[in-house]
Amino acid sequence: MKRLFSGIQPSGTIHIGNYFGAISNWIKLLGKYDCIFCIVDYHAITIPYDKDMMQQRIFEAAVDNISAGLDPEKCKIFVQSHVPEHTELAWILSCFSRMGELSRMTQFKQKSEQHKAHANCGLYTYPVLQTADIAIYKGEVVPVGEDQVQHIELAREIVRNFNTAFGDILPEPAELLSPTPRIMGLDGDNKMSKSMNNHISLTETDEELWKKLAPAKTDTNRQRLKDPGDPAKCNMFSYHKLVSSDDELKQVTEGCTTAGIGCFDCKKILCKNFSELIRPIRDKKEKLMKDRDYVLNVLNDGAESCRKIAKETMNEVKKAMGL
């Protein structure tokens, strides 16, 4: 099987945007690829963070993703800093990365603008480390959303530069686009994000879920119950397409366009379906949070397996370079 690699940011509780945009797709790929998932703690230090919370964030990232369906029996899950070859290869690949190309990265421009006082070299060379993350395992496939395609294109260019100098050592990675379009937040205007507080997390109780959905933005042209609406213009309907059955989609569409049901009733159906998705994930997380040894063993076993692969790759790279 081809080897698939993806990184997981230890950035707190995951939300339905993360789940449908990435994790649910990863689950479908288990067994089709040799899957490696890395909690990228080195990437997380490119912006200000609380050092006292880092280990807890790493642990919760593992718990969240296992709870959501990443089966450690079918993939490797580990922490980036536990395999030092990531940063070793990153230095080598930085010597084959053009500054002009790094400067054009959209994510660098956005984050350096958001964190003006903390714009640093790590943020600038983030794509080089990302390339090393993939290349150290000779990753061939990287599942990404549209906002990450530019980074994978650059990764191919960096790998190509290296291979041109020293032979075909590292495969050029290909992006595997998520089949789920970008998921908007509850405000209906921005991508779902914890930092913008417009998200639904995978730990919401039924009460918390309804508290978030009730005031969420719908079709703004539908001001009164008797006004018909347009599901194509309603952010809630985009959520329905993620979790509701075909019969429910038909019911909501007909009810909305004929003013047969109001937004309140539409959201009640949505709340029920989100609850059915979230409840087993939330319950599994509660159990795993109490079983720290199991989670740490998963990460340790993953790191041990990945170190073996990484060392073999580094030996090939150094030999080819005359080091």
Protein backbone atom coordinates (compact mmCIF):
# COMPACT_ATOMS: atom_id res chain seq x y z
CA MET A 1 0.00 0.00 0.00
CA LYS A 2 1.03 3.58 -0.55
CA ARG A 3 2.06 5.43 2.59
CA LEU A 4 -0.19 8.26 3.77
CA PHE A 5 0.92 10.96 6.20
CA SER A 6 -0.99 13.70 7.95
CA GLY A 7 -0.27 16.05 10.85
CA ILE A 8 -2.55 16.83 13.79
CA GLN A 9 -2.24 20.17 15.58
CA PRO A 10 -2.46 19.93 19.41
CA SER A 11 -4.76 22.92 19.50
CA GLY A 12 -7.52 21.91 21.88
CA THR A 13 -10.84 20.14 21.49
CA ILE A 14 -11.70 19.30 17.90
CA HIS A 15 -14.91 20.53 16.29
CA ILE A 16 -17.22 19.31 13.56
CA GLY A 17 -15.24 21.26 10.97
CA ASN A 18 -12.15 19.21 11.89
CA TYR A 19 -14.21 16.02 11.99
CA PHE A 20 -15.93 16.30 8.60
CA GLY A 21 -13.08 18.18 6.93
CA ALA A 22 -10.38 15.72 7.93
CA ILE A 23 -10.97 12.95 10.49
CA SER A 24 -14.03 11.30 8.92
CA ASN A 25 -12.08 11.13 5.65
CA TRP A 26 -9.00 9.67 7.41
CA ILE A 27 -11.18 6.92 8.88
CA LYS A 28 -12.31 5.90 5.39
CA LEU A 29 -8.67 5.72 4.27
CA LEU A 30 -7.58 3.32 7.03
CA GLY A 31 -6.79 -0.01 5.39
CA LYS A 32 -6.49 1.57 1.94
CA TYR A 33 -3.13 3.16 2.80
CA ASP A 34 -0.30 2.63 5.26
CA CYS A 35 -1.43 5.50 7.48
CA ILE A 36 0.78 7.61 9.75
CA PHE A 37 -0.71 10.42 11.85
CA CYS A 38 1.58 12.78 13.72
CA ILE A 39 0.74 15.20 16.53
CA VAL A 40 2.86 18.11 15.33
CA ASP A 41 4.02 19.79 18.54
CA TYR A 42 6.99 21.48 16.84
CA HIS A 43 4.61 23.22 14.44
CA ALA A 44 2.54 24.38 17.42
CA ILE A 45 5.42 26.45 18.86
CA THR A 46 5.61 28.84 15.90
CA ILE A 47 3.06 31.09 17.64
CA PRO A 48 2.80 32.01 21.34
CA TYR A 49 1.58 29.15 23.56
CA ASP A 50 1.28 28.13 27.21
CA LYS A 51 4.14 25.74 27.98
CA ASP A 52 2.37 24.44 31.07
CA MET A 53 -0.53 23.25 28.90
CA MET A 54 1.46 21.73 26.04
CA GLN A 55 1.60 18.16 27.36
CA GLN A 56 -2.12 18.23 28.13
CA ARG A 57 -2.86 19.55 24.65
CA ILE A 58 -0.80 16.75 23.08
CA PHE A 59 -2.55 14.14 25.21
CA GLU A 60 -5.99 15.51 24.39
CA ALA A 61 -5.17 15.65 20.68
CA ALA A 62 -4.44 11.92 20.81
CA VAL A 63 -7.58 11.21 22.85
CA ASP A 64 -9.81 13.32 20.60
CA ASN A 65 -8.65 11.68 17.40
CA ILE A 66 -8.79 8.13 18.76
CA SER A 67 -12.25 8.84 20.16
CA ALA A 68 -13.39 10.18 16.80
CA GLY A 69 -12.35 6.97 15.03
CA LEU A 70 -8.60 6.78 14.39
CA ASP A 71 -7.99 3.14 15.34
CA PRO A 72 -4.41 2.59 16.63
CA GLU A 73 -4.68 -0.98 15.38
CA LYS A 74 -5.01 0.32 11.81
CA CYS A 75 -2.57 3.26 11.84
CA LYS A 76 0.40 4.77 13.65
CA ILE A 77 -0.17 7.77 15.93
CA PHE A 78 2.78 9.51 17.56
CA VAL A 79 4.24 12.86 18.64
CA GLN A 80 6.50 14.74 16.23
CA SER A 81 9.19 15.69 18.79
CA HIS A 82 9.59 12.02 19.76
CA VAL A 83 11.22 11.34 16.37
CA PRO A 84 14.24 13.70 16.07
CA GLU A 85 14.82 12.83 12.42
CA HIS A 86 11.97 15.22 11.51
CA THR A 87 14.05 18.26 12.39
CA GLU A 88 17.27 16.71 11.09
CA LEU A 89 15.79 16.24 7.64
CA ALA A 90 14.14 19.67 7.84
CA TRP A 91 17.58 21.32 8.07
CA ILE A 92 18.80 19.41 5.04
CA LEU A 93 15.67 20.24 3.02
CA SER A 94 15.92 23.90 4.02
CA CYS A 95 19.08 23.99 1.91
CA PHE A 96 16.92 23.06 -1.10
CA SER A 97 14.08 25.49 -0.36
CA ARG A 98 13.93 28.81 -2.16
CA MET A 99 13.22 31.88 -0.04
CA GLY A 100 11.00 33.37 -2.74
CA GLU A 101 8.73 30.34 -2.68
CA LEU A 102 8.47 30.40 1.11
CA SER A 103 7.59 34.09 1.01
CA ARG A 104 4.65 33.39 -1.26
CA MET A 105 2.96 30.99 1.16
CA THR A 106 -0.52 32.30 1.96
CA GLN A 107 -0.53 30.81 5.46
CA PHE A 108 2.73 32.59 6.34
CA LYS A 109 1.28 35.90 5.20
CA GLN A 110 -1.89 35.35 7.24
CA LYS A 111 -0.23 34.16 10.43
CA SER A 112 2.54 36.74 10.37
CA GLU A 113 -0.19 39.37 10.08
CA GLN A 114 -2.14 37.83 12.98
CA HIS A 115 0.99 37.56 15.15
CA LYS A 116 2.98 40.62 14.07
CA ALA A 117 4.88 40.86 17.34
CA HIS A 118 5.89 37.21 17.13
CA ALA A 119 6.57 36.64 13.41
CA ASN A 120 9.59 34.31 13.43
CA CYS A 121 11.78 32.10 11.27
CA GLY A 122 9.86 29.01 12.40
CA LEU A 123 6.66 30.45 11.01
CA TYR A 124 8.48 31.27 7.78
CA THR A 125 10.04 27.82 7.38
CA TYR A 126 6.95 25.94 8.58
CA PRO A 127 6.46 24.38 5.09
CA VAL A 128 10.01 22.99 5.13
CA LEU A 129 9.40 21.11 8.36
CA GLN A 130 6.05 20.01 6.94
CA THR A 131 7.89 18.64 3.91
CA ALA A 132 10.32 16.81 6.18
CA ASP A 133 7.41 15.36 8.18
CA ILE A 134 6.14 13.75 4.99
CA ALA A 135 9.46 12.87 3.36
CA ILE A 136 11.04 11.22 6.41
CA TYR A 137 8.49 8.40 5.96
CA LYS A 138 8.60 8.57 2.16
CA GLY A 139 4.97 9.61 2.28
CA GLU A 140 3.27 9.47 -1.10
CA VAL A 141 -0.20 10.75 -0.21
CA VAL A 142 -1.25 13.65 2.04
CA PRO A 143 -4.97 14.21 2.74
CA VAL A 144 -5.60 17.97 2.89
CA GLY A 145 -8.21 20.66 2.51
CA GLU A 146 -7.98 23.24 -0.24
CA ASP A 147 -6.13 25.68 2.04
CA GLN A 148 -3.18 23.27 2.34
CA VAL A 149 -2.72 22.40 -1.35
CA GLN A 150 -0.17 25.21 -1.76
CA HIS A 151 2.03 23.62 0.92
CA ILE A 152 1.95 20.21 -0.77
CA GLU A 153 2.86 21.82 -4.09
CA LEU A 154 5.85 23.41 -2.38
CA ALA A 155 6.74 20.09 -0.74
CA ARG A 156 6.93 18.50 -4.18
CA GLU A 157 9.19 21.30 -5.38
CA ILE A 158 11.55 20.95 -2.39
CA VAL A 159 11.73 17.16 -2.80
CA ARG A 160 12.32 17.58 -6.52
CA ASN A 161 15.20 19.97 -5.85
CA PHE A 162 16.78 17.44 -3.49
CA ASN A 163 16.30 14.51 -5.88
CA THR A 164 17.76 16.49 -8.78
CA ALA A 165 20.95 16.92 -6.78
CA PHE A 166 21.28 13.44 -5.25
CA GLY A 167 19.04 10.95 -7.07
CA ASP A 168 15.48 9.69 -6.59
CA ILE A 169 15.63 9.13 -2.83
CA LEU A 170 12.39 10.79 -1.70
CA PRO A 171 8.99 10.39 -3.42
CA GLU A 172 7.15 13.54 -4.45
CA PRO A 173 3.99 13.66 -2.30
CA ALA A 174 0.54 14.11 -3.84
CA GLU A 175 -2.39 15.82 -2.18
CA LEU A 176 -5.59 13.89 -1.58
CA LEU A 177 -8.32 16.52 -1.38
CA SER A 178 -11.01 16.18 1.26
CA PRO A 179 -14.38 15.39 -0.36
CA THR A 180 -16.06 17.72 2.16
CA PRO A 181 -16.20 21.41 1.20
CA ARG A 182 -15.08 24.06 3.68
CA ILE A 183 -17.37 24.07 6.71
CA MET A 184 -18.52 27.49 7.82
CA GLY A 185 -18.95 28.53 11.42
CA LEU A 186 -22.18 29.22 13.27
CA ASP A 187 -21.90 32.88 12.24
CA GLY A 188 -22.28 31.79 8.61
CA ASP A 189 -19.56 34.22 7.50
CA ASN A 190 -16.26 32.59 8.49
CA LYS A 191 -14.69 29.16 8.45
CA MET A 192 -15.48 27.21 11.62
CA SER A 193 -12.79 28.01 14.18
CA LYS A 194 -12.26 27.77 17.93
CA SER A 195 -10.45 31.11 17.92
CA MET A 196 -13.55 32.78 16.46
CA ASN A 197 -15.89 30.94 18.87
CA ASN A 198 -18.18 29.94 16.00
CA HIS A 199 -17.74 26.18 16.37
CA ILE A 200 -19.48 23.06 17.60
CA SER A 201 -17.05 20.84 19.48
CA LEU A 202 -17.20 17.05 19.66
CA THR A 203 -17.68 17.24 23.42
CA GLU A 204 -20.89 19.32 23.50
CA THR A 205 -23.72 18.06 25.71
CA ASP A 206 -27.22 18.14 24.25
CA GLU A 207 -27.93 21.31 26.21
CA GLU A 208 -24.73 23.02 25.05
CA LEU A 209 -25.39 21.97 21.48
CA TRP A 210 -28.85 23.51 21.43
CA LYS A 211 -27.57 26.67 23.12
CA LYS A 212 -25.19 27.14 20.17
CA LEU A 213 -27.58 26.14 17.39
CA ALA A 214 -30.61 28.13 18.55
CA PRO A 215 -29.17 31.59 17.75
CA ALA A 216 -27.07 30.43 14.76
CA LYS A 217 -27.43 32.32 11.50
CA THR A 218 -29.95 31.05 8.92
CA ASP A 219 -31.31 32.42 5.63
CA THR A 220 -31.45 36.15 6.38
CA ASN A 221 -34.29 36.62 3.85
CA ARG A 222 -36.56 34.56 6.09
CA GLN A 223 -37.58 37.08 8.73
CA ARG A 224 -40.95 35.59 9.72
CA LEU A 225 -42.32 32.06 10.08
CA LYS A 226 -44.64 32.54 7.10
CA ASP A 227 -41.77 33.63 4.83
CA PRO A 228 -40.42 30.86 2.56
CA GLY A 229 -36.69 30.27 2.68
CA ASP A 230 -33.93 29.04 0.38
CA PRO A 231 -31.91 26.11 1.78
CA ALA A 232 -29.09 26.91 -0.65
CA LYS A 233 -28.59 30.21 1.18
CA CYS A 234 -28.85 28.75 4.69
CA ASN A 235 -25.75 27.67 6.58
CA MET A 236 -27.86 25.29 8.71
CA PHE A 237 -28.78 23.33 5.60
CA SER A 238 -25.09 22.81 4.84
CA TYR A 239 -24.90 21.16 8.29
CA HIS A 240 -27.97 19.05 7.51
CA LYS A 241 -26.16 17.67 4.47
CA LEU A 242 -23.46 16.38 6.84
CA VAL A 243 -25.63 14.55 9.38
CA SER A 244 -29.25 14.27 8.23
CA SER A 245 -30.87 11.41 6.30
CA ASP A 246 -32.19 11.76 2.75
CA ASP A 247 -35.75 11.77 4.09
CA GLU A 248 -34.91 14.52 6.55
CA LEU A 249 -33.19 16.57 3.86
CA LYS A 250 -36.33 16.28 1.76
CA GLN A 251 -38.50 17.22 4.73
CA VAL A 252 -36.37 20.26 5.58
CA THR A 253 -36.16 21.40 1.95
CA GLU A 254 -39.91 21.19 1.39
CA GLY A 255 -40.70 22.72 4.77
CA CYS A 256 -38.31 25.62 4.28
CA THR A 257 -39.25 26.50 0.69
CA THR A 258 -43.01 26.39 1.47
CA ALA A 259 -42.76 27.92 4.95
CA GLY A 260 -44.21 24.66 6.26
CA ILE A 261 -41.66 24.57 9.09
CA GLY A 262 -39.73 27.32 10.78
CA CYS A 263 -36.00 27.63 11.41
CA PHE A 264 -36.56 26.56 15.02
CA ASP A 265 -37.98 23.18 13.93
CA CYS A 266 -35.23 22.81 11.33
CA LYS A 267 -32.60 23.34 14.02
CA LYS A 268 -34.31 20.83 16.33
CA ILE A 269 -33.85 18.10 13.70
CA LEU A 270 -30.26 19.18 13.22
CA CYS A 271 -29.61 19.19 16.97
CA LYS A 272 -30.92 15.62 17.26
CA ASN A 273 -28.66 14.39 14.48
CA PHE A 274 -25.56 16.20 15.75
CA SER A 275 -26.24 14.75 19.20
CA GLU A 276 -26.37 11.21 17.76
CA LEU A 277 -22.99 11.81 16.10
CA ILE A 278 -21.33 13.47 19.10
CA ARG A 279 -22.60 11.32 21.99
CA PRO A 280 -20.53 8.13 21.32
CA ILE A 281 -17.41 10.23 20.59
CA ARG A 282 -17.89 12.20 23.80
CA ASP A 283 -18.47 9.02 25.82
CA LYS A 284 -15.34 7.37 24.43
CA LYS A 285 -13.30 10.47 25.20
CA GLU A 286 -14.46 10.43 28.81
CA LYS A 287 -13.22 6.83 29.14
CA LEU A 288 -9.87 7.49 27.44
CA MET A 289 -9.18 10.57 29.54
CA LYS A 290 -9.22 8.21 32.55
CA ASP A 291 -6.95 5.65 30.87
CA ARG A 292 -3.76 7.67 30.48
CA ASP A 293 -1.50 4.63 30.30
CA TYR A 294 -3.32 3.26 27.25
CA VAL A 295 -3.07 6.55 25.35
CA LEU A 296 0.62 7.04 26.21
CA ASN A 297 1.36 3.46 25.13
CA VAL A 298 -0.31 4.14 21.78
CA LEU A 299 1.91 7.21 21.29
CA ASN A 300 5.06 5.40 22.44
CA ASP A 301 4.41 2.41 20.18
CA GLY A 302 3.75 4.74 17.26
CA ALA A 303 6.95 6.68 17.88
CA GLU A 304 9.01 3.49 18.16
CA SER A 305 7.71 2.21 14.81
CA CYS A 306 8.18 5.58 13.13
CA ARG A 307 11.73 6.05 14.45
CA LYS A 308 12.77 2.87 12.65
CA ILE A 309 11.39 4.16 9.33
CA ALA A 310 12.86 7.64 9.89
CA LYS A 311 16.34 6.31 10.67
CA GLU A 312 16.36 4.23 7.48
CA THR A 313 15.39 7.28 5.43
CA MET A 314 18.04 9.46 7.07
CA ASN A 315 20.71 6.83 6.41
CA GLU A 316 19.75 6.86 2.70
CA VAL A 317 19.72 10.65 2.58
CA LYS A 318 23.12 11.03 4.28
CA LYS A 319 24.73 8.34 2.13
CA ALA A 320 23.42 9.99 -1.05
CA MET A 321 24.77 13.36 0.13
CA GLY A 322 28.18 12.06 1.12
CA LEU A 323 27.59 12.81 4.82
